[in-house]
């Protein structure tokens, strides 16, 4: 599951339910969640505070400015994960 993270996404009850569902389907050693930061990187601290379950999951940051590098990183992550 790709989760597009933004300040408004974190306020959405639907997004929180989807994240909870995906986390419940994850195994101890294999997460099926890939968070992608798409807006305003400063809110990322509230991500880990409000959704502590996302701590420790590798995130892709599309706000860095180099979209090609981040797409390459995302593709690499997708290739190594078995998305259930």
PDB file of N, CA and C in Angstrom:
ATOM      1  N   UNK A   1       0.832  -1.164   0.000  1.00  0.00           N
ATOM      2  CA  UNK A   1       0.000   0.000   0.000  1.00  0.00           C
ATOM      3  C   UNK A   1       0.883   1.236   0.000  1.00  0.00           C
ATOM      4  N   UNK A   2       0.677   2.085  -0.970  1.00  0.00           N
ATOM      5  CA  UNK A   2       1.366   3.370  -1.003  1.00  0.00           C
ATOM      6  C   UNK A   2       0.501   4.378  -0.266  1.00  0.00           C
ATOM      7  N   UNK A   3       1.092   5.087   0.686  1.00  0.00           N
ATOM      8  CA  UNK A   3       0.368   6.097   1.443  1.00  0.00           C
ATOM      9  C   UNK A   3       0.976   7.449   1.106  1.00  0.00           C
ATOM     10  N   UNK A   4       0.175   8.316   0.511  1.00  0.00           N
ATOM     11  CA  UNK A   4       0.641   9.662   0.191  1.00  0.00           C
ATOM     12  C   UNK A   4       0.398  10.527   1.416  1.00  0.00           C
ATOM     13  N   UNK A   5       1.488  10.940   2.047  1.00  0.00           N
ATOM     14  CA  UNK A   5       1.395  11.683   3.302  1.00  0.00           C
ATOM     15  C   UNK A   5       1.466  13.179   3.084  1.00  0.00           C
ATOM     16  N   UNK A   6       0.484  13.845   3.639  1.00  0.00           N
ATOM     17  CA  UNK A   6       0.426  15.300   3.645  1.00  0.00           C
ATOM     18  C   UNK A   6      -0.285  15.685   4.940  1.00  0.00           C
ATOM     19  N   UNK A   7      -0.239  16.957   5.304  1.00  0.00           N
ATOM     20  CA  UNK A   7      -0.949  17.356   6.524  1.00  0.00           C
ATOM     21  C   UNK A   7      -2.432  16.987   6.494  1.00  0.00           C
ATOM     22  N   UNK A   8      -3.091  17.194   5.358  1.00  0.00           N
ATOM     23  CA  UNK A   8      -4.526  16.882   5.286  1.00  0.00           C
ATOM     24  C   UNK A   8      -4.785  15.371   5.325  1.00  0.00           C
ATOM     25  N   UNK A   9      -3.879  14.580   4.797  1.00  0.00           N
ATOM     26  CA  UNK A   9      -4.053  13.127   4.858  1.00  0.00           C
ATOM     27  C   UNK A   9      -4.046  12.642   6.305  1.00  0.00           C
ATOM     28  N   UNK A  10      -3.183  13.236   7.123  1.00  0.00           N
ATOM     29  CA  UNK A  10      -3.107  12.826   8.523  1.00  0.00           C
ATOM     30  C   UNK A  10      -4.351  13.194   9.309  1.00  0.00           C
ATOM     31  N   UNK A  11      -5.103  14.166   8.820  1.00  0.00           N
ATOM     32  CA  UNK A  11      -6.336  14.557   9.484  1.00  0.00           C
ATOM     33  C   UNK A  11      -7.513  13.700   9.053  1.00  0.00           C
ATOM     34  N   UNK A  12      -7.335  12.916   8.012  1.00  0.00           N
ATOM     35  CA  UNK A  12      -8.425  12.119   7.457  1.00  0.00           C
ATOM     36  C   UNK A  12      -8.631  10.825   8.241  1.00  0.00           C
ATOM     37  N   UNK A  13      -9.834  10.645   8.731  1.00  0.00           N
ATOM     38  CA  UNK A  13     -10.157   9.402   9.446  1.00  0.00           C
ATOM     39  C   UNK A  13     -10.069   8.206   8.501  1.00  0.00           C
ATOM     40  N   UNK A  14     -10.445   8.411   7.248  1.00  0.00           N
ATOM     41  CA  UNK A  14     -10.387   7.325   6.265  1.00  0.00           C
ATOM     42  C   UNK A  14      -8.939   6.865   6.059  1.00  0.00           C
ATOM     43  N   UNK A  15      -8.025   7.789   5.924  1.00  0.00           N
ATOM     44  CA  UNK A  15      -6.608   7.444   5.753  1.00  0.00           C
ATOM     45  C   UNK A  15      -6.110   6.680   6.975  1.00  0.00           C
ATOM     46  N   UNK A  16      -6.480   7.131   8.159  1.00  0.00           N
ATOM     47  CA  UNK A  16      -6.066   6.440   9.385  1.00  0.00           C
ATOM     48  C   UNK A  16      -6.598   5.009   9.414  1.00  0.00           C
ATOM     49  N   UNK A  17      -7.844   4.820   8.979  1.00  0.00           N
ATOM     50  CA  UNK A  17      -8.420   3.469   8.930  1.00  0.00           C
ATOM     51  C   UNK A  17      -7.681   2.594   7.930  1.00  0.00           C
ATOM     52  N   UNK A  18      -7.336   3.158   6.783  1.00  0.00           N
ATOM     53  CA  UNK A  18      -6.608   2.397   5.765  1.00  0.00           C
ATOM     54  C   UNK A  18      -5.222   1.998   6.267  1.00  0.00           C
ATOM     55  N   UNK A  19      -4.549   2.906   6.941  1.00  0.00           N
ATOM     56  CA  UNK A  19      -3.226   2.611   7.500  1.00  0.00           C
ATOM     57  C   UNK A  19      -3.335   1.519   8.558  1.00  0.00           C
ATOM     58  N   UNK A  20      -4.325   1.632   9.426  1.00  0.00           N
ATOM     59  CA  UNK A  20      -4.530   0.613  10.463  1.00  0.00           C
ATOM     60  C   UNK A  20      -4.775  -0.744   9.831  1.00  0.00           C
ATOM     61  N   UNK A  21      -5.606  -0.789   8.806  1.00  0.00           N
ATOM     62  CA  UNK A  21      -5.888  -2.042   8.108  1.00  0.00           C
ATOM     63  C   UNK A  21      -4.618  -2.642   7.506  1.00  0.00           C
ATOM     64  N   UNK A  22      -3.839  -1.800   6.836  1.00  0.00           N
ATOM     65  CA  UNK A  22      -2.602  -2.285   6.215  1.00  0.00           C
ATOM     66  C   UNK A  22      -1.617  -2.786   7.263  1.00  0.00           C
ATOM     67  N   UNK A  23      -1.523  -2.077   8.383  1.00  0.00           N
ATOM     68  CA  UNK A  23      -0.618  -2.503   9.455  1.00  0.00           C
ATOM     69  C   UNK A  23      -1.061  -3.831  10.048  1.00  0.00           C
ATOM     70  N   UNK A  24      -2.349  -4.044  10.165  1.00  0.00           N
ATOM     71  CA  UNK A  24      -2.854  -5.313  10.685  1.00  0.00           C
ATOM     72  C   UNK A  24      -2.527  -6.479   9.749  1.00  0.00           C
ATOM     73  N   UNK A  25      -2.454  -6.196   8.468  1.00  0.00           N
ATOM     74  CA  UNK A  25      -2.129  -7.238   7.485  1.00  0.00           C
ATOM     75  C   UNK A  25      -0.626  -7.472   7.348  1.00  0.00           C
ATOM     76  N   UNK A  26       0.160  -6.571   7.889  1.00  0.00           N
ATOM     77  CA  UNK A  26       1.616  -6.702   7.831  1.00  0.00           C
ATOM     78  C   UNK A  26       2.068  -7.792   8.792  1.00  0.00           C
ATOM     79  N   UNK A  27       3.170  -8.404   8.451  1.00  0.00           N
ATOM     80  CA  UNK A  27       3.768  -9.360   9.363  1.00  0.00           C
ATOM     81  C   UNK A  27       4.841  -8.653  10.176  1.00  0.00           C
ATOM     82  N   UNK A  28       5.355  -9.333  11.124  1.00  0.00           N
ATOM     83  CA  UNK A  28       6.389  -8.751  11.992  1.00  0.00           C
ATOM     84  C   UNK A  28       7.613  -8.315  11.189  1.00  0.00           C
ATOM     85  N   UNK A  29       7.977  -9.065  10.164  1.00  0.00           N
ATOM     86  CA  UNK A  29       9.201  -8.788   9.414  1.00  0.00           C
ATOM     87  C   UNK A  29       8.944  -8.166   8.044  1.00  0.00           C
ATOM     88  N   UNK A  30       7.693  -8.063   7.634  1.00  0.00           N
ATOM     89  CA  UNK A  30       7.404  -7.563   6.295  1.00  0.00           C
ATOM     90  C   UNK A  30       6.243  -6.585   6.344  1.00  0.00           C
ATOM     91  N   UNK A  31       6.522  -5.338   6.079  1.00  0.00           N
ATOM     92  CA  UNK A  31       5.470  -4.333   6.023  1.00  0.00           C
ATOM     93  C   UNK A  31       4.999  -4.208   4.584  1.00  0.00           C
ATOM     94  N   UNK A  32       3.703  -4.060   4.408  1.00  0.00           N
ATOM     95  CA  UNK A  32       3.184  -3.851   3.058  1.00  0.00           C
ATOM     96  C   UNK A  32       2.807  -2.386   2.845  1.00  0.00           C
ATOM     97  N   UNK A  33       3.442  -1.508   3.615  1.00  0.00           N
ATOM     98  CA  UNK A  33       3.165  -0.075   3.549  1.00  0.00           C
ATOM     99  C   UNK A  33       4.413   0.681   3.107  1.00  0.00           C
ATOM    100  N   UNK A  34       4.227   1.598   2.165  1.00  0.00           N
ATOM    101  CA  UNK A  34       5.305   2.493   1.758  1.00  0.00           C
ATOM    102  C   UNK A  34       4.771   3.919   1.854  1.00  0.00           C
ATOM    103  N   UNK A  35       5.138   4.642   2.914  1.00  0.00           N
ATOM    104  CA  UNK A  35       4.705   6.035   3.031  1.00  0.00           C
ATOM    105  C   UNK A  35       5.503   6.936   2.092  1.00  0.00           C
ATOM    106  N   UNK A  36       4.801   7.831   1.422  1.00  0.00           N
ATOM    107  CA  UNK A  36       5.434   8.780   0.505  1.00  0.00           C
ATOM    108  C   UNK A  36       5.068  10.191   0.956  1.00  0.00           C
ATOM    109  N   UNK A  37       6.067  10.967   1.320  1.00  0.00           N
ATOM    110  CA  UNK A  37       5.836  12.351   1.741  1.00  0.00           C
ATOM    111  C   UNK A  37       5.700  13.195   0.481  1.00  0.00           C
ATOM    112  N   UNK A  38       4.545  13.839   0.333  1.00  0.00           N
ATOM    113  CA  UNK A  38       4.298  14.584  -0.902  1.00  0.00           C
ATOM    114  C   UNK A  38       4.170  16.087  -0.700  1.00  0.00           C
ATOM    115  N   UNK A  39       4.097  16.524   0.551  1.00  0.00           N
ATOM    116  CA  UNK A  39       3.884  17.958   0.769  1.00  0.00           C
ATOM    117  C   UNK A  39       4.385  18.357   2.142  1.00  0.00           C
ATOM    118  N   UNK A  40       5.032  19.478   2.211  1.00  0.00           N
ATOM    119  CA  UNK A  40       5.388  20.114   3.474  1.00  0.00           C
ATOM    120  C   UNK A  40       6.060  19.152   4.444  1.00  0.00           C
ATOM    121  N   UNK A  41       7.318  18.923   4.235  1.00  0.00           N
ATOM    122  CA  UNK A  41       8.065  17.950   5.024  1.00  0.00           C
ATOM    123  C   UNK A  41       8.037  18.246   6.528  1.00  0.00           C
ATOM    124  N   UNK A  42       7.793  19.476   6.911  1.00  0.00           N
ATOM    125  CA  UNK A  42       7.795  19.841   8.331  1.00  0.00           C
ATOM    126  C   UNK A  42       6.749  19.078   9.133  1.00  0.00           C
ATOM    127  N   UNK A  43       5.689  18.606   8.493  1.00  0.00           N
ATOM    128  CA  UNK A  43       4.645  17.904   9.220  1.00  0.00           C
ATOM    129  C   UNK A  43       5.040  16.474   9.575  1.00  0.00           C
ATOM    130  N   UNK A  44       6.168  16.005   9.079  1.00  0.00           N
ATOM    131  CA  UNK A  44       6.554  14.605   9.284  1.00  0.00           C
ATOM    132  C   UNK A  44       6.671  14.255  10.761  1.00  0.00           C
ATOM    133  N   UNK A  45       7.020  15.215  11.592  1.00  0.00           N
ATOM    134  CA  UNK A  45       7.094  14.936  13.030  1.00  0.00           C
ATOM    135  C   UNK A  45       5.718  14.590  13.580  1.00  0.00           C
ATOM    136  N   UNK A  46       4.684  15.215  13.042  1.00  0.00           N
ATOM    137  CA  UNK A  46       3.336  14.879  13.500  1.00  0.00           C
ATOM    138  C   UNK A  46       2.906  13.514  12.980  1.00  0.00           C
ATOM    139  N   UNK A  47       3.503  13.070  11.868  1.00  0.00           N
ATOM    140  CA  UNK A  47       3.202  11.722  11.369  1.00  0.00           C
ATOM    141  C   UNK A  47       3.602  10.696  12.408  1.00  0.00           C
ATOM    142  N   UNK A  48       4.832  10.801  12.879  1.00  0.00           N
ATOM    143  CA  UNK A  48       5.307   9.798  13.817  1.00  0.00           C
ATOM    144  C   UNK A  48       4.670   9.963  15.185  1.00  0.00           C
ATOM    145  N   UNK A  49       4.241  11.178  15.529  1.00  0.00           N
ATOM    146  CA  UNK A  49       3.549  11.368  16.807  1.00  0.00           C
ATOM    147  C   UNK A  49       2.127  10.820  16.744  1.00  0.00           C
ATOM    148  N   UNK A  50       1.394  11.168  15.697  1.00  0.00           N
ATOM    149  CA  UNK A  50      -0.004  10.768  15.625  1.00  0.00           C
ATOM    150  C   UNK A  50      -0.181   9.335  15.144  1.00  0.00           C
ATOM    151  N   UNK A  51       0.747   8.831  14.376  1.00  0.00           N
ATOM    152  CA  UNK A  51       0.647   7.467  13.861  1.00  0.00           C
ATOM    153  C   UNK A  51       1.956   6.757  14.164  1.00  0.00           C
ATOM    154  N   UNK A  52       2.187   6.524  15.416  1.00  0.00           N
ATOM    155  CA  UNK A  52       3.457   5.952  15.851  1.00  0.00           C
ATOM    156  C   UNK A  52       3.749   4.619  15.183  1.00  0.00           C
ATOM    157  N   UNK A  53       2.727   3.954  14.679  1.00  0.00           N
ATOM    158  CA  UNK A  53       2.931   2.676  13.998  1.00  0.00           C
ATOM    159  C   UNK A  53       3.754   2.841  12.719  1.00  0.00           C
ATOM    160  N   UNK A  54       3.835   4.058  12.191  1.00  0.00           N
ATOM    161  CA  UNK A  54       4.629   4.280  10.979  1.00  0.00           C
ATOM    162  C   UNK A  54       6.113   4.461  11.275  1.00  0.00           C
ATOM    163  N   UNK A  55       6.448   4.610  12.559  1.00  0.00           N
ATOM    164  CA  UNK A  55       7.861   4.736  12.911  1.00  0.00           C
ATOM    165  C   UNK A  55       8.590   3.470  12.485  1.00  0.00           C
ATOM    166  N   UNK A  56       9.745   3.653  11.950  1.00  0.00           N
ATOM    167  CA  UNK A  56      10.551   2.508  11.549  1.00  0.00           C
ATOM    168  C   UNK A  56      10.260   1.999  10.146  1.00  0.00           C
ATOM    169  N   UNK A  57       9.236   2.539   9.498  1.00  0.00           N
ATOM    170  CA  UNK A  57       8.941   2.141   8.121  1.00  0.00           C
ATOM    171  C   UNK A  57       9.655   3.120   7.191  1.00  0.00           C
ATOM    172  N   UNK A  58      10.372   2.584   6.218  1.00  0.00           N
ATOM    173  CA  UNK A  58      11.113   3.431   5.289  1.00  0.00           C
ATOM    174  C   UNK A  58      10.151   4.302   4.496  1.00  0.00           C
ATOM    175  N   UNK A  59      10.397   5.611   4.515  1.00  0.00           N
ATOM    176  CA  UNK A  59       9.563   6.565   3.790  1.00  0.00           C
ATOM    177  C   UNK A  59      10.320   7.111   2.590  1.00  0.00           C
ATOM    178  N   UNK A  60       9.574   7.455   1.563  1.00  0.00           N
ATOM    179  CA  UNK A  60      10.139   8.104   0.384  1.00  0.00           C
ATOM    180  C   UNK A  60       9.702   9.563   0.440  1.00  0.00           C
ATOM    181  N   UNK A  61      10.654  10.467   0.290  1.00  0.00           N
ATOM    182  CA  UNK A  61      10.373  11.894   0.422  1.00  0.00           C
ATOM    183  C   UNK A  61      10.397  12.565  -0.952  1.00  0.00           C
ATOM    184  N   UNK A  62       9.215  12.855  -1.485  1.00  0.00           N
ATOM    185  CA  UNK A  62       9.117  13.509  -2.788  1.00  0.00           C
ATOM    186  C   UNK A  62       9.250  15.022  -2.683  1.00  0.00           C
ATOM    187  N   UNK A  63       9.538  15.549  -1.502  1.00  0.00           N
ATOM    188  CA  UNK A  63       9.675  16.996  -1.345  1.00  0.00           C
ATOM    189  C   UNK A  63      11.114  17.460  -1.456  1.00  0.00           C
ATOM    190  N   UNK A  64      12.039  16.534  -1.636  1.00  0.00           N
ATOM    191  CA  UNK A  64      13.460  16.881  -1.662  1.00  0.00           C
ATOM    192  C   UNK A  64      13.851  17.679  -2.900  1.00  0.00           C
ATOM    193  N   UNK A  65      13.104  17.555  -3.956  1.00  0.00           N
ATOM    194  CA  UNK A  65      13.417  18.324  -5.147  1.00  0.00           C
ATOM    195  C   UNK A  65      13.921  17.491  -6.309  1.00  0.00           C
ATOM    196  N   UNK A  66      14.511  16.326  -6.053  1.00  0.00           N
ATOM    197  CA  UNK A  66      15.002  15.501  -7.142  1.00  0.00           C
ATOM    198  C   UNK A  66      14.042  14.331  -7.355  1.00  0.00           C
ATOM    199  N   UNK A  67      13.022  14.583  -8.159  1.00  0.00           N
ATOM    200  CA  UNK A  67      11.968  13.602  -8.380  1.00  0.00           C
ATOM    201  C   UNK A  67      12.509  12.302  -8.975  1.00  0.00           C
ATOM    202  N   UNK A  68      13.443  12.396  -9.883  1.00  0.00           N
ATOM    203  CA  UNK A  68      13.989  11.188 -10.517  1.00  0.00           C
ATOM    204  C   UNK A  68      14.643  10.271  -9.480  1.00  0.00           C
ATOM    205  N   UNK A  69      15.422  10.837  -8.571  1.00  0.00           N
ATOM    206  CA  UNK A  69      16.058  10.025  -7.522  1.00  0.00           C
ATOM    207  C   UNK A  69      15.015   9.372  -6.628  1.00  0.00           C
ATOM    208  N   UNK A  70      13.982  10.103  -6.283  1.00  0.00           N
ATOM    209  CA  UNK A  70      12.957   9.552  -5.400  1.00  0.00           C
ATOM    210  C   UNK A  70      12.130   8.482  -6.098  1.00  0.00           C
ATOM    211  N   UNK A  71      11.846   8.658  -7.378  1.00  0.00           N
ATOM    212  CA  UNK A  71      11.154   7.610  -8.134  1.00  0.00           C
ATOM    213  C   UNK A  71      12.011   6.354  -8.217  1.00  0.00           C
ATOM    214  N   UNK A  72      13.301   6.525  -8.414  1.00  0.00           N
ATOM    215  CA  UNK A  72      14.219   5.391  -8.435  1.00  0.00           C
ATOM    216  C   UNK A  72      14.206   4.678  -7.089  1.00  0.00           C
ATOM    217  N   UNK A  73      14.211   5.447  -6.010  1.00  0.00           N
ATOM    218  CA  UNK A  73      14.147   4.873  -4.664  1.00  0.00           C
ATOM    219  C   UNK A  73      12.842   4.113  -4.465  1.00  0.00           C
ATOM    220  N   UNK A  74      11.737   4.675  -4.895  1.00  0.00           N
ATOM    221  CA  UNK A  74      10.442   4.020  -4.763  1.00  0.00           C
ATOM    222  C   UNK A  74      10.410   2.715  -5.552  1.00  0.00           C
ATOM    223  N   UNK A  75      10.900   2.737  -6.757  1.00  0.00           N
ATOM    224  CA  UNK A  75      10.925   1.525  -7.581  1.00  0.00           C
ATOM    225  C   UNK A  75      11.773   0.449  -6.921  1.00  0.00           C
ATOM    226  N   UNK A  76      12.889   0.840  -6.370  1.00  0.00           N
ATOM    227  CA  UNK A  76      13.756  -0.109  -5.671  1.00  0.00           C
ATOM    228  C   UNK A  76      13.039  -0.744  -4.480  1.00  0.00           C
ATOM    229  N   UNK A  77      12.341   0.078  -3.708  1.00  0.00           N
ATOM    230  CA  UNK A  77      11.593  -0.445  -2.564  1.00  0.00           C
ATOM    231  C   UNK A  77      10.502  -1.404  -3.032  1.00  0.00           C
ATOM    232  N   UNK A  78       9.791  -1.017  -4.080  1.00  0.00           N
ATOM    233  CA  UNK A  78       8.717  -1.877  -4.595  1.00  0.00           C
ATOM    234  C   UNK A  78       9.249  -3.217  -5.074  1.00  0.00           C
ATOM    235  N   UNK A  79      10.416  -3.215  -5.674  1.00  0.00           N
ATOM    236  CA  UNK A  79      11.006  -4.460  -6.161  1.00  0.00           C
ATOM    237  C   UNK A  79      11.398  -5.396  -5.015  1.00  0.00           C
ATOM    238  N   UNK A  80      11.757  -4.835  -3.871  1.00  0.00           N
ATOM    239  CA  UNK A  80      12.213  -5.676  -2.762  1.00  0.00           C
ATOM    240  C   UNK A  80      11.076  -6.117  -1.858  1.00  0.00           C
ATOM    241  N   UNK A  81       9.928  -5.496  -1.972  1.00  0.00           N
ATOM    242  CA  UNK A  81       8.795  -5.854  -1.116  1.00  0.00           C
ATOM    243  C   UNK A  81       7.858  -6.796  -1.853  1.00  0.00           C
ATOM    244  N   UNK A  82       7.313  -7.681  -1.094  1.00  0.00           N
ATOM    245  CA  UNK A  82       6.267  -8.533  -1.623  1.00  0.00           C
ATOM    246  C   UNK A  82       4.956  -7.898  -1.215  1.00  0.00           C
ATOM    247  N   UNK A  83       4.345  -7.196  -2.145  1.00  0.00           N
ATOM    248  CA  UNK A  83       3.123  -6.480  -1.817  1.00  0.00           C
ATOM    249  C   UNK A  83       1.955  -7.472  -1.873  1.00  0.00           C
ATOM    250  N   UNK A  84       1.377  -7.747  -0.697  1.00  0.00           N
ATOM    251  CA  UNK A  84       0.351  -8.767  -0.559  1.00  0.00           C
ATOM    252  C   UNK A  84      -0.957  -8.424  -1.072  1.00  0.00           C
TER     253      UNK A  84
END
